[in-house]
Amino acid sequence: FLSAGKEESEANVYGVDFAYPEIRNLEIEKGKFFTSSDTARWLKVAVLGSNVAGELFPGQEAIGKKININSHYFTVCGVLSPKGEMFHYDFDQQVYIPDSTAYKRLTGSERVRTIIIQTADAEKAKSLVPLIEKGLLQRHQGVEDFRVRSQEEMLETMNQVSRTFTILLAAIAGISLLVGGIGIMNIMLVSVTERYREIGIRKAVGARKKDILAQFLVESVVLSLVGGFCGIIFGILIAKIISILGKWVFTIPISAVILPFLFSSIIGLFFGLYPAQKASSLDPVEALRYQ
């Protein structure tokens, strides 16, 4: 926990190099990021994420104020522009101090947790991994107590997780569609049974087989579309709630609306075909006798 007077904020404190904003594409909204000179002199200065600044100094200017980090007072030299959250890492809920200051004032250790390397040519990043590993092995006297990952490798891992998740969702959706389709077919069969006399009267006054078939197919499709519409609304609400809780950007692609309606229509047609055929094949005389 960090504090400034009576105000408190729960945030992560990172000791970083002065070039960190360039690597992470962070923009300073107020003040400045600490410099190489600040790092060399172990100055107790801090740069706050926008949320942290708002929590510690509500309605006030944070630049030049003191914050308490583990009983050490740091002067706020900068506030970052809002950046949001990415992969459960909230850039706006972080505090950055010089790495040298973190070693000397807070941790008492010069152990580095993460090194981020940015290449001038992104296409060469993967080819540099073996060279970096070789250099680190030499520095660590042959002990491989580290892991080097390129952005491409991390992206591939994320894609694999995404593909697995997509397959799982597709399987769940397929089972749901099957169950829903069977439900529609049962409802339509009950509807046909309850409307025997209506079907018989329509046929007696001249309704053709294809007219009865079309009527029940339309009813089946409409029933399926109503269910699809309710599912879309429910899905949007759930996604909206999750996006608010997870602080994600929420967008609805047009395909996410069109495809469910299309599948609903297909399900309605497919599972409504048997009840519709049964209704259209009824003998009008037998249907009129039905009680």
C-alpha atoms as a PDB file:
ATOM      1  CA  PHE A   1       0.000   0.000   0.000  1.00  0.00           C
ATOM      2  CA  LEU A   2       1.104   3.537  -0.759  1.00  0.00           C
ATOM      3  CA  SER A   3       0.007   6.578   1.165  1.00  0.00           C
ATOM      4  CA  ALA A   4      -0.011  10.333   0.877  1.00  0.00           C
ATOM      5  CA  GLY A   5      -1.369  11.959   4.000  1.00  0.00           C
ATOM      6  CA  LYS A   6      -4.683  10.241   4.765  1.00  0.00           C
ATOM      7  CA  GLU A   7      -5.095   8.832   1.264  1.00  0.00           C
ATOM      8  CA  GLU A   8      -4.013   5.300   0.358  1.00  0.00           C
ATOM      9  CA  SER A   9      -3.637   3.336  -2.863  1.00  0.00           C
ATOM     10  CA  GLU A  10      -2.889  -0.301  -3.622  1.00  0.00           C
ATOM     11  CA  ALA A  11      -0.389  -0.405  -6.478  1.00  0.00           C
ATOM     12  CA  ASN A  12       2.650  -2.248  -7.779  1.00  0.00           C
ATOM     13  CA  VAL A  13       5.996  -0.484  -7.388  1.00  0.00           C
ATOM     14  CA  TYR A  14       8.606  -1.227 -10.050  1.00  0.00           C
ATOM     15  CA  GLY A  15      12.251  -0.239 -10.150  1.00  0.00           C
ATOM     16  CA  VAL A  16      12.942   0.485 -13.822  1.00  0.00           C
ATOM     17  CA  ASP A  17      15.513   2.080 -16.102  1.00  0.00           C
ATOM     18  CA  PHE A  18      15.067   5.670 -17.251  1.00  0.00           C
ATOM     19  CA  ALA A  19      14.439   4.376 -20.814  1.00  0.00           C
ATOM     20  CA  TYR A  20      11.411   2.329 -19.698  1.00  0.00           C
ATOM     21  CA  PRO A  21       8.760   4.715 -21.129  1.00  0.00           C
ATOM     22  CA  GLU A  22      10.231   4.384 -24.621  1.00  0.00           C
ATOM     23  CA  ILE A  23      10.196   0.583 -24.454  1.00  0.00           C
ATOM     24  CA  ARG A  24       6.633   0.417 -23.095  1.00  0.00           C
ATOM     25  CA  ASN A  25       5.286   3.355 -25.114  1.00  0.00           C
ATOM     26  CA  LEU A  26       4.276   5.239 -21.989  1.00  0.00           C
ATOM     27  CA  GLU A  27       3.345   8.900 -22.281  1.00  0.00           C
ATOM     28  CA  ILE A  28       3.833  11.484 -19.563  1.00  0.00           C
ATOM     29  CA  GLU A  29       0.726  13.557 -18.885  1.00  0.00           C
ATOM     30  CA  LYS A  30       2.268  15.822 -16.241  1.00  0.00           C
ATOM     31  CA  GLY A  31       5.818  16.408 -15.083  1.00  0.00           C
ATOM     32  CA  LYS A  32       8.563  14.153 -16.429  1.00  0.00           C
ATOM     33  CA  PHE A  33      10.032  10.665 -16.152  1.00  0.00           C
ATOM     34  CA  PHE A  34      13.199  10.378 -14.078  1.00  0.00           C
ATOM     35  CA  THR A  35      16.506  10.751 -15.915  1.00  0.00           C
ATOM     36  CA  SER A  36      19.809   8.874 -16.031  1.00  0.00           C
ATOM     37  CA  SER A  37      21.171  11.481 -13.623  1.00  0.00           C
ATOM     38  CA  ASP A  38      18.380  10.710 -11.129  1.00  0.00           C
ATOM     39  CA  THR A  39      19.188   7.008 -11.420  1.00  0.00           C
ATOM     40  CA  ALA A  40      22.919   7.568 -10.904  1.00  0.00           C
ATOM     41  CA  ARG A  41      22.244   9.593  -7.732  1.00  0.00           C
ATOM     42  CA  TRP A  42      19.721   7.111  -6.274  1.00  0.00           C
ATOM     43  CA  LEU A  43      17.144   9.877  -6.007  1.00  0.00           C
ATOM     44  CA  LYS A  44      13.856   9.022  -4.314  1.00  0.00           C
ATOM     45  CA  VAL A  45      11.562  10.127  -7.115  1.00  0.00           C
ATOM     46  CA  ALA A  46       8.492   8.361  -8.470  1.00  0.00           C
ATOM     47  CA  VAL A  47       6.252   8.389 -11.522  1.00  0.00           C
ATOM     48  CA  LEU A  48       2.613   7.514 -10.843  1.00  0.00           C
ATOM     49  CA  GLY A  49       0.037   5.796 -13.010  1.00  0.00           C
ATOM     50  CA  SER A  50      -3.042   7.931 -13.629  1.00  0.00           C
ATOM     51  CA  ASN A  51      -5.264   5.880 -11.279  1.00  0.00           C
ATOM     52  CA  VAL A  52      -2.712   5.974  -8.458  1.00  0.00           C
ATOM     53  CA  ALA A  53      -2.344   9.741  -8.810  1.00  0.00           C
ATOM     54  CA  GLY A  54      -6.129  10.150  -8.644  1.00  0.00           C
ATOM     55  CA  GLU A  55      -6.403   7.957  -5.546  1.00  0.00           C
ATOM     56  CA  LEU A  56      -3.549   9.586  -3.607  1.00  0.00           C
ATOM     57  CA  PHE A  57      -4.224  13.172  -4.680  1.00  0.00           C
ATOM     58  CA  PRO A  58      -7.934  13.471  -5.547  1.00  0.00           C
ATOM     59  CA  GLY A  59      -8.591  16.830  -7.175  1.00  0.00           C
ATOM     60  CA  GLN A  60      -5.004  17.948  -6.516  1.00  0.00           C
ATOM     61  CA  GLU A  61      -1.772  18.380  -8.429  1.00  0.00           C
ATOM     62  CA  ALA A  62       0.488  15.402  -7.669  1.00  0.00           C
ATOM     63  CA  ILE A  63       3.761  16.806  -9.028  1.00  0.00           C
ATOM     64  CA  GLY A  64       6.171  17.712  -6.232  1.00  0.00           C
ATOM     65  CA  LYS A  65       4.128  15.969  -3.531  1.00  0.00           C
ATOM     66  CA  LYS A  66       5.483  13.236  -1.247  1.00  0.00           C
ATOM     67  CA  ILE A  67       4.276   9.624  -1.159  1.00  0.00           C
ATOM     68  CA  ASN A  68       5.143   6.955   1.398  1.00  0.00           C
ATOM     69  CA  ILE A  69       6.457   3.634   0.050  1.00  0.00           C
ATOM     70  CA  ASN A  70       7.482   1.187   2.790  1.00  0.00           C
ATOM     71  CA  SER A  71       8.313   4.058   5.165  1.00  0.00           C
ATOM     72  CA  HIS A  72      10.422   5.790   2.498  1.00  0.00           C
ATOM     73  CA  TYR A  73       9.220   9.125   1.164  1.00  0.00           C
ATOM     74  CA  PHE A  74       9.425   9.682  -2.577  1.00  0.00           C
ATOM     75  CA  THR A  75       8.795  12.892  -4.496  1.00  0.00           C
ATOM     76  CA  VAL A  76       6.356  12.610  -7.399  1.00  0.00           C
ATOM     77  CA  CYS A  77       8.119  13.821 -10.540  1.00  0.00           C
ATOM     78  CA  GLY A  78       5.603  12.674 -13.142  1.00  0.00           C
ATOM     79  CA  VAL A  79       2.133  11.291 -13.840  1.00  0.00           C
ATOM     80  CA  LEU A  80       1.484   8.977 -16.778  1.00  0.00           C
ATOM     81  CA  SER A  81      -1.305   9.388 -19.297  1.00  0.00           C
ATOM     82  CA  PRO A  82      -4.096   6.790 -18.979  1.00  0.00           C
ATOM     83  CA  LYS A  83      -3.161   3.613 -20.859  1.00  0.00           C
ATOM     84  CA  GLY A  84      -5.547   0.975 -19.565  1.00  0.00           C
ATOM     85  CA  GLU A  85      -5.083  -2.708 -18.871  1.00  0.00           C
ATOM     86  CA  MET A  86      -3.473  -5.385 -21.019  1.00  0.00           C
ATOM     87  CA  PHE A  87      -3.324  -9.075 -20.071  1.00  0.00           C
ATOM     88  CA  HIS A  88      -4.227  -8.317 -16.439  1.00  0.00           C
ATOM     89  CA  TYR A  89      -1.474  -5.687 -16.234  1.00  0.00           C
ATOM     90  CA  ASP A  90      -3.023  -2.334 -15.354  1.00  0.00           C
ATOM     91  CA  PHE A  91      -0.600   0.370 -16.488  1.00  0.00           C
ATOM     92  CA  ASP A  92      -2.623   3.005 -14.634  1.00  0.00           C
ATOM     93  CA  GLN A  93      -2.215   1.253 -11.270  1.00  0.00           C
ATOM     94  CA  GLN A  94       1.600   1.206 -11.247  1.00  0.00           C
ATOM     95  CA  VAL A  95       4.349   3.291  -9.654  1.00  0.00           C
ATOM     96  CA  TYR A  96       7.816   3.521 -11.214  1.00  0.00           C
ATOM     97  CA  ILE A  97      10.992   4.467  -9.378  1.00  0.00           C
ATOM     98  CA  PRO A  98      14.671   4.353 -10.476  1.00  0.00           C
ATOM     99  CA  ASP A  99      16.041   0.809 -10.376  1.00  0.00           C
ATOM    100  CA  SER A 100      19.115   1.973  -8.453  1.00  0.00           C
ATOM    101  CA  THR A 101      16.888   3.555  -5.809  1.00  0.00           C
ATOM    102  CA  ALA A 102      14.872   0.347  -5.516  1.00  0.00           C
ATOM    103  CA  TYR A 103      18.086  -1.621  -4.919  1.00  0.00           C
ATOM    104  CA  LYS A 104      19.493   0.764  -2.322  1.00  0.00           C
ATOM    105  CA  ARG A 105      16.350   1.989  -0.531  1.00  0.00           C
ATOM    106  CA  LEU A 106      13.759  -0.796  -0.747  1.00  0.00           C
ATOM    107  CA  THR A 107      14.900  -4.297  -1.687  1.00  0.00           C
ATOM    108  CA  GLY A 108      18.545  -4.293  -0.651  1.00  0.00           C
ATOM    109  CA  SER A 109      19.243  -6.586  -3.587  1.00  0.00           C
ATOM    110  CA  GLU A 110      20.379  -5.947  -7.149  1.00  0.00           C
ATOM    111  CA  ARG A 111      18.537  -8.960  -8.529  1.00  0.00           C
ATOM    112  CA  VAL A 112      16.793  -8.122 -11.803  1.00  0.00           C
ATOM    113  CA  ARG A 113      13.388  -9.683 -12.363  1.00  0.00           C
ATOM    114  CA  THR A 114      12.764  -8.758 -15.997  1.00  0.00           C
ATOM    115  CA  ILE A 115      14.817  -7.321 -18.850  1.00  0.00           C
ATOM    116  CA  ILE A 116      12.933  -5.929 -21.841  1.00  0.00           C
ATOM    117  CA  ILE A 117      14.885  -5.533 -25.084  1.00  0.00           C
ATOM    118  CA  GLN A 118      13.591  -3.570 -28.053  1.00  0.00           C
ATOM    119  CA  THR A 119      15.161  -4.174 -31.463  1.00  0.00           C
ATOM    120  CA  ALA A 120      15.373  -1.664 -34.286  1.00  0.00           C
ATOM    121  CA  ASP A 121      14.100  -4.327 -36.696  1.00  0.00           C
ATOM    122  CA  ALA A 122      11.192  -6.385 -35.326  1.00  0.00           C
ATOM    123  CA  GLU A 123      11.832  -9.166 -37.859  1.00  0.00           C
ATOM    124  CA  LYS A 124      15.256  -9.836 -36.337  1.00  0.00           C
ATOM    125  CA  ALA A 125      13.981 -10.176 -32.777  1.00  0.00           C
ATOM    126  CA  LYS A 126      13.606 -13.963 -32.902  1.00  0.00           C
ATOM    127  CA  SER A 127      17.105 -14.464 -34.333  1.00  0.00           C
ATOM    128  CA  LEU A 128      18.598 -12.476 -31.436  1.00  0.00           C
ATOM    129  CA  VAL A 129      17.211 -14.841 -28.783  1.00  0.00           C
ATOM    130  CA  PRO A 130      20.113 -17.379 -29.036  1.00  0.00           C
ATOM    131  CA  LEU A 131      22.677 -14.554 -28.827  1.00  0.00           C
ATOM    132  CA  ILE A 132      21.012 -13.110 -25.737  1.00  0.00           C
ATOM    133  CA  GLU A 133      20.827 -16.546 -24.112  1.00  0.00           C
ATOM    134  CA  LYS A 134      24.529 -17.118 -24.816  1.00  0.00           C
ATOM    135  CA  GLY A 135      25.471 -13.776 -23.289  1.00  0.00           C
ATOM    136  CA  LEU A 136      23.372 -14.380 -20.168  1.00  0.00           C
ATOM    137  CA  LEU A 137      24.824 -17.870 -19.726  1.00  0.00           C
ATOM    138  CA  GLN A 138      28.308 -16.389 -19.709  1.00  0.00           C
ATOM    139  CA  ARG A 139      27.307 -13.760 -17.123  1.00  0.00           C
ATOM    140  CA  HIS A 140      25.592 -16.425 -14.978  1.00  0.00           C
ATOM    141  CA  GLN A 141      28.637 -18.727 -15.176  1.00  0.00           C
ATOM    142  CA  GLY A 142      26.770 -21.406 -17.127  1.00  0.00           C
ATOM    143  CA  VAL A 143      23.755 -21.558 -14.787  1.00  0.00           C
ATOM    144  CA  GLU A 144      20.536 -21.318 -16.810  1.00  0.00           C
ATOM    145  CA  ASP A 145      18.343 -19.669 -14.163  1.00  0.00           C
ATOM    146  CA  PHE A 146      16.547 -17.441 -16.650  1.00  0.00           C
ATOM    147  CA  ARG A 147      14.261 -17.652 -19.670  1.00  0.00           C
ATOM    148  CA  VAL A 148      14.394 -15.590 -22.858  1.00  0.00           C
ATOM    149  CA  ARG A 149      11.175 -15.181 -24.837  1.00  0.00           C
ATOM    150  CA  SER A 150      10.556 -13.216 -27.991  1.00  0.00           C
ATOM    151  CA  GLN A 151       7.344 -11.333 -28.668  1.00  0.00           C
ATOM    152  CA  GLU A 152       6.626 -13.826 -31.443  1.00  0.00           C
ATOM    153  CA  GLU A 153       6.855 -16.757 -29.036  1.00  0.00           C
ATOM    154  CA  MET A 154       4.580 -15.048 -26.537  1.00  0.00           C
ATOM    155  CA  LEU A 155       2.092 -14.257 -29.294  1.00  0.00           C
ATOM    156  CA  GLU A 156       2.106 -17.882 -30.469  1.00  0.00           C
ATOM    157  CA  THR A 157       1.421 -19.063 -26.910  1.00  0.00           C
ATOM    158  CA  MET A 158      -1.500 -16.663 -26.671  1.00  0.00           C
ATOM    159  CA  ASN A 159      -2.812 -17.845 -30.041  1.00  0.00           C
ATOM    160  CA  GLN A 160      -2.681 -21.475 -28.889  1.00  0.00           C
ATOM    161  CA  VAL A 161      -4.649 -20.614 -25.768  1.00  0.00           C
ATOM    162  CA  SER A 162      -7.099 -18.630 -27.884  1.00  0.00           C
ATOM    163  CA  ARG A 163      -7.550 -21.518 -30.337  1.00  0.00           C
ATOM    164  CA  THR A 164      -8.154 -23.994 -27.510  1.00  0.00           C
ATOM    165  CA  PHE A 165     -10.671 -21.634 -25.937  1.00  0.00           C
ATOM    166  CA  THR A 166     -12.394 -21.147 -29.306  1.00  0.00           C
ATOM    167  CA  ILE A 167     -12.694 -24.914 -29.850  1.00  0.00           C
ATOM    168  CA  LEU A 168     -14.139 -25.315 -26.355  1.00  0.00           C
ATOM    169  CA  LEU A 169     -16.687 -22.561 -26.946  1.00  0.00           C
ATOM    170  CA  ALA A 170     -17.574 -24.025 -30.347  1.00  0.00           C
ATOM    171  CA  ALA A 171     -18.220 -27.422 -28.742  1.00  0.00           C
ATOM    172  CA  ILE A 172     -20.421 -25.855 -26.075  1.00  0.00           C
ATOM    173  CA  ALA A 173     -22.260 -23.828 -28.729  1.00  0.00           C
ATOM    174  CA  GLY A 174     -22.773 -26.942 -30.871  1.00  0.00           C
ATOM    175  CA  ILE A 175     -24.292 -28.874 -27.964  1.00  0.00           C
ATOM    176  CA  SER A 176     -26.476 -25.874 -27.086  1.00  0.00           C
ATOM    177  CA  LEU A 177     -27.715 -25.599 -30.679  1.00  0.00           C
ATOM    178  CA  LEU A 178     -28.520 -29.316 -30.778  1.00  0.00           C
ATOM    179  CA  VAL A 179     -30.453 -29.170 -27.513  1.00  0.00           C
ATOM    180  CA  GLY A 180     -32.224 -25.984 -28.611  1.00  0.00           C
ATOM    181  CA  GLY A 181     -33.107 -27.499 -31.986  1.00  0.00           C
ATOM    182  CA  ILE A 182     -34.581 -30.618 -30.378  1.00  0.00           C
ATOM    183  CA  GLY A 183     -36.580 -28.358 -28.074  1.00  0.00           C
ATOM    184  CA  ILE A 184     -37.970 -26.432 -31.053  1.00  0.00           C
ATOM    185  CA  MET A 185     -38.897 -29.686 -32.814  1.00  0.00           C
ATOM    186  CA  ASN A 186     -40.745 -30.962 -29.735  1.00  0.00           C
ATOM    187  CA  ILE A 187     -42.633 -27.686 -29.350  1.00  0.00           C
ATOM    188  CA  MET A 188     -43.653 -27.732 -33.005  1.00  0.00           C
ATOM    189  CA  LEU A 189     -44.772 -31.385 -32.776  1.00  0.00           C
ATOM    190  CA  VAL A 190     -46.973 -30.497 -29.808  1.00  0.00           C
ATOM    191  CA  SER A 191     -48.292 -27.509 -31.765  1.00  0.00           C
ATOM    192  CA  VAL A 192     -49.159 -29.740 -34.735  1.00  0.00           C
ATOM    193  CA  THR A 193     -50.968 -32.228 -32.475  1.00  0.00           C
ATOM    194  CA  GLU A 194     -53.011 -29.479 -30.796  1.00  0.00           C
ATOM    195  CA  ARG A 195     -53.979 -27.942 -34.155  1.00  0.00           C
ATOM    196  CA  TYR A 196     -55.158 -31.022 -36.034  1.00  0.00           C
ATOM    197  CA  ARG A 197     -58.665 -29.607 -36.511  1.00  0.00           C
ATOM    198  CA  GLU A 198     -57.267 -26.231 -37.662  1.00  0.00           C
ATOM    199  CA  ILE A 199     -55.088 -28.001 -40.233  1.00  0.00           C
ATOM    200  CA  GLY A 200     -58.060 -30.103 -41.362  1.00  0.00           C
ATOM    201  CA  ILE A 201     -60.265 -27.020 -41.797  1.00  0.00           C
ATOM    202  CA  ARG A 202     -57.560 -25.206 -43.783  1.00  0.00           C
ATOM    203  CA  LYS A 203     -57.118 -28.176 -46.090  1.00  0.00           C
ATOM    204  CA  ALA A 204     -60.878 -28.553 -46.460  1.00  0.00           C
ATOM    205  CA  VAL A 205     -61.217 -24.966 -47.687  1.00  0.00           C
ATOM    206  CA  GLY A 206     -58.418 -25.343 -50.235  1.00  0.00           C
ATOM    207  CA  ALA A 207     -55.044 -24.965 -48.487  1.00  0.00           C
ATOM    208  CA  ARG A 208     -52.372 -26.854 -50.342  1.00  0.00           C
ATOM    209  CA  LYS A 209     -49.752 -29.127 -48.811  1.00  0.00           C
ATOM    210  CA  LYS A 210     -46.994 -26.587 -49.456  1.00  0.00           C
ATOM    211  CA  ASP A 211     -49.060 -23.861 -47.732  1.00  0.00           C
ATOM    212  CA  ILE A 212     -49.257 -25.892 -44.523  1.00  0.00           C
ATOM    213  CA  LEU A 213     -45.575 -26.782 -44.843  1.00  0.00           C
ATOM    214  CA  ALA A 214     -44.600 -23.116 -45.260  1.00  0.00           C
ATOM    215  CA  GLN A 215     -46.781 -22.034 -42.325  1.00  0.00           C
ATOM    216  CA  PHE A 216     -45.154 -24.375 -39.827  1.00  0.00           C
ATOM    217  CA  LEU A 217     -41.652 -23.747 -41.168  1.00  0.00           C
ATOM    218  CA  VAL A 218     -42.152 -19.992 -40.731  1.00  0.00           C
ATOM    219  CA  GLU A 219     -43.417 -20.528 -37.182  1.00  0.00           C
ATOM    220  CA  SER A 220     -40.396 -22.708 -36.405  1.00  0.00           C
ATOM    221  CA  VAL A 221     -37.954 -20.132 -37.810  1.00  0.00           C
ATOM    222  CA  VAL A 222     -39.649 -17.274 -35.922  1.00  0.00           C
ATOM    223  CA  LEU A 223     -39.485 -19.279 -32.694  1.00  0.00           C
ATOM    224  CA  SER A 224     -35.790 -19.955 -33.298  1.00  0.00           C
ATOM    225  CA  LEU A 225     -35.075 -16.297 -34.152  1.00  0.00           C
ATOM    226  CA  VAL A 226     -36.757 -15.119 -30.942  1.00  0.00           C
ATOM    227  CA  GLY A 227     -34.515 -17.475 -28.984  1.00  0.00           C
ATOM    228  CA  GLY A 228     -31.485 -16.255 -30.935  1.00  0.00           C
ATOM    229  CA  PHE A 229     -32.378 -12.614 -30.251  1.00  0.00           C
ATOM    230  CA  CYS A 230     -32.711 -13.285 -26.514  1.00  0.00           C
ATOM    231  CA  GLY A 231     -29.353 -15.091 -26.591  1.00  0.00           C
ATOM    232  CA  ILE A 232     -27.656 -12.151 -28.337  1.00  0.00           C
ATOM    233  CA  ILE A 233     -29.010  -9.639 -25.807  1.00  0.00           C
ATOM    234  CA  PHE A 234     -27.990 -11.873 -22.892  1.00  0.00           C
ATOM    235  CA  GLY A 235     -24.522 -12.415 -24.390  1.00  0.00           C
ATOM    236  CA  ILE A 236     -23.980  -8.684 -24.925  1.00  0.00           C
ATOM    237  CA  LEU A 237     -24.982  -7.921 -21.330  1.00  0.00           C
ATOM    238  CA  ILE A 238     -22.642 -10.599 -19.932  1.00  0.00           C
ATOM    239  CA  ALA A 239     -19.770  -9.398 -22.154  1.00  0.00           C
ATOM    240  CA  LYS A 240     -20.407  -5.805 -21.080  1.00  0.00           C
ATOM    241  CA  ILE A 241     -20.316  -6.728 -17.390  1.00  0.00           C
ATOM    242  CA  ILE A 242     -17.091  -8.716 -17.857  1.00  0.00           C
ATOM    243  CA  SER A 243     -15.499  -5.833 -19.789  1.00  0.00           C
ATOM    244  CA  ILE A 244     -16.389  -3.395 -16.999  1.00  0.00           C
ATOM    245  CA  LEU A 245     -15.009  -5.680 -14.286  1.00  0.00           C
ATOM    246  CA  GLY A 246     -11.890  -6.506 -16.304  1.00  0.00           C
ATOM    247  CA  LYS A 247     -11.471  -2.930 -17.586  1.00  0.00           C
ATOM    248  CA  TRP A 248     -11.388  -4.132 -21.194  1.00  0.00           C
ATOM    249  CA  VAL A 249     -12.453  -2.279 -24.305  1.00  0.00           C
ATOM    250  CA  PHE A 250     -15.851  -3.618 -25.388  1.00  0.00           C
ATOM    251  CA  THR A 251     -16.827  -3.728 -29.068  1.00  0.00           C
ATOM    252  CA  ILE A 252     -19.496  -5.664 -30.952  1.00  0.00           C
ATOM    253  CA  PRO A 253     -18.511  -6.680 -34.503  1.00  0.00           C
ATOM    254  CA  ILE A 254     -21.441  -6.813 -36.920  1.00  0.00           C
ATOM    255  CA  SER A 255     -20.646 -10.483 -37.603  1.00  0.00           C
ATOM    256  CA  ALA A 256     -21.388 -11.253 -33.943  1.00  0.00           C
ATOM    257  CA  VAL A 257     -24.974 -10.127 -34.562  1.00  0.00           C
ATOM    258  CA  ILE A 258     -25.569 -11.408 -38.102  1.00  0.00           C
ATOM    259  CA  LEU A 259     -24.141 -14.928 -37.649  1.00  0.00           C
ATOM    260  CA  PRO A 260     -26.321 -15.863 -34.634  1.00  0.00           C
ATOM    261  CA  PHE A 261     -29.447 -14.830 -36.569  1.00  0.00           C
ATOM    262  CA  LEU A 262     -28.270 -16.859 -39.559  1.00  0.00           C
ATOM    263  CA  PHE A 263     -27.620 -19.954 -37.450  1.00  0.00           C
ATOM    264  CA  SER A 264     -30.951 -19.485 -35.669  1.00  0.00           C
ATOM    265  CA  SER A 265     -32.744 -19.467 -39.024  1.00  0.00           C
ATOM    266  CA  ILE A 266     -30.937 -22.627 -40.140  1.00  0.00           C
ATOM    267  CA  ILE A 267     -31.727 -24.386 -36.850  1.00  0.00           C
ATOM    268  CA  GLY A 268     -35.382 -23.359 -37.145  1.00  0.00           C
ATOM    269  CA  LEU A 269     -35.614 -24.665 -40.713  1.00  0.00           C
ATOM    270  CA  PHE A 270     -33.794 -27.932 -40.028  1.00  0.00           C
ATOM    271  CA  PHE A 271     -35.577 -28.933 -36.831  1.00  0.00           C
ATOM    272  CA  GLY A 272     -38.918 -27.543 -37.958  1.00  0.00           C
ATOM    273  CA  LEU A 273     -38.934 -29.557 -41.179  1.00  0.00           C
ATOM    274  CA  TYR A 274     -40.209 -32.821 -39.664  1.00  0.00           C
ATOM    275  CA  PRO A 275     -43.142 -31.245 -37.748  1.00  0.00           C
ATOM    276  CA  ALA A 276     -44.019 -29.179 -40.837  1.00  0.00           C
ATOM    277  CA  GLN A 277     -43.994 -32.255 -43.072  1.00  0.00           C
ATOM    278  CA  LYS A 278     -46.132 -34.129 -40.553  1.00  0.00           C
ATOM    279  CA  ALA A 279     -48.654 -31.284 -40.519  1.00  0.00           C
ATOM    280  CA  SER A 280     -48.757 -30.959 -44.310  1.00  0.00           C
ATOM    281  CA  SER A 281     -49.257 -34.715 -44.765  1.00  0.00           C
ATOM    282  CA  LEU A 282     -52.340 -34.945 -42.544  1.00  0.00           C
ATOM    283  CA  ASP A 283     -55.512 -36.321 -44.102  1.00  0.00           C
ATOM    284  CA  PRO A 284     -58.121 -33.537 -43.762  1.00  0.00           C
ATOM    285  CA  VAL A 285     -60.904 -36.028 -42.985  1.00  0.00           C
ATOM    286  CA  GLU A 286     -58.901 -37.649 -40.178  1.00  0.00           C
ATOM    287  CA  ALA A 287     -57.789 -34.228 -38.906  1.00  0.00           C
ATOM    288  CA  LEU A 288     -61.402 -32.985 -38.672  1.00  0.00           C
ATOM    289  CA  ARG A 289     -62.381 -36.085 -36.673  1.00  0.00           C
ATOM    290  CA  TYR A 290     -59.592 -35.490 -34.135  1.00  0.00           C
ATOM    291  CA  GLN A 291     -60.854 -34.437 -30.697  1.00  0.00           C
END
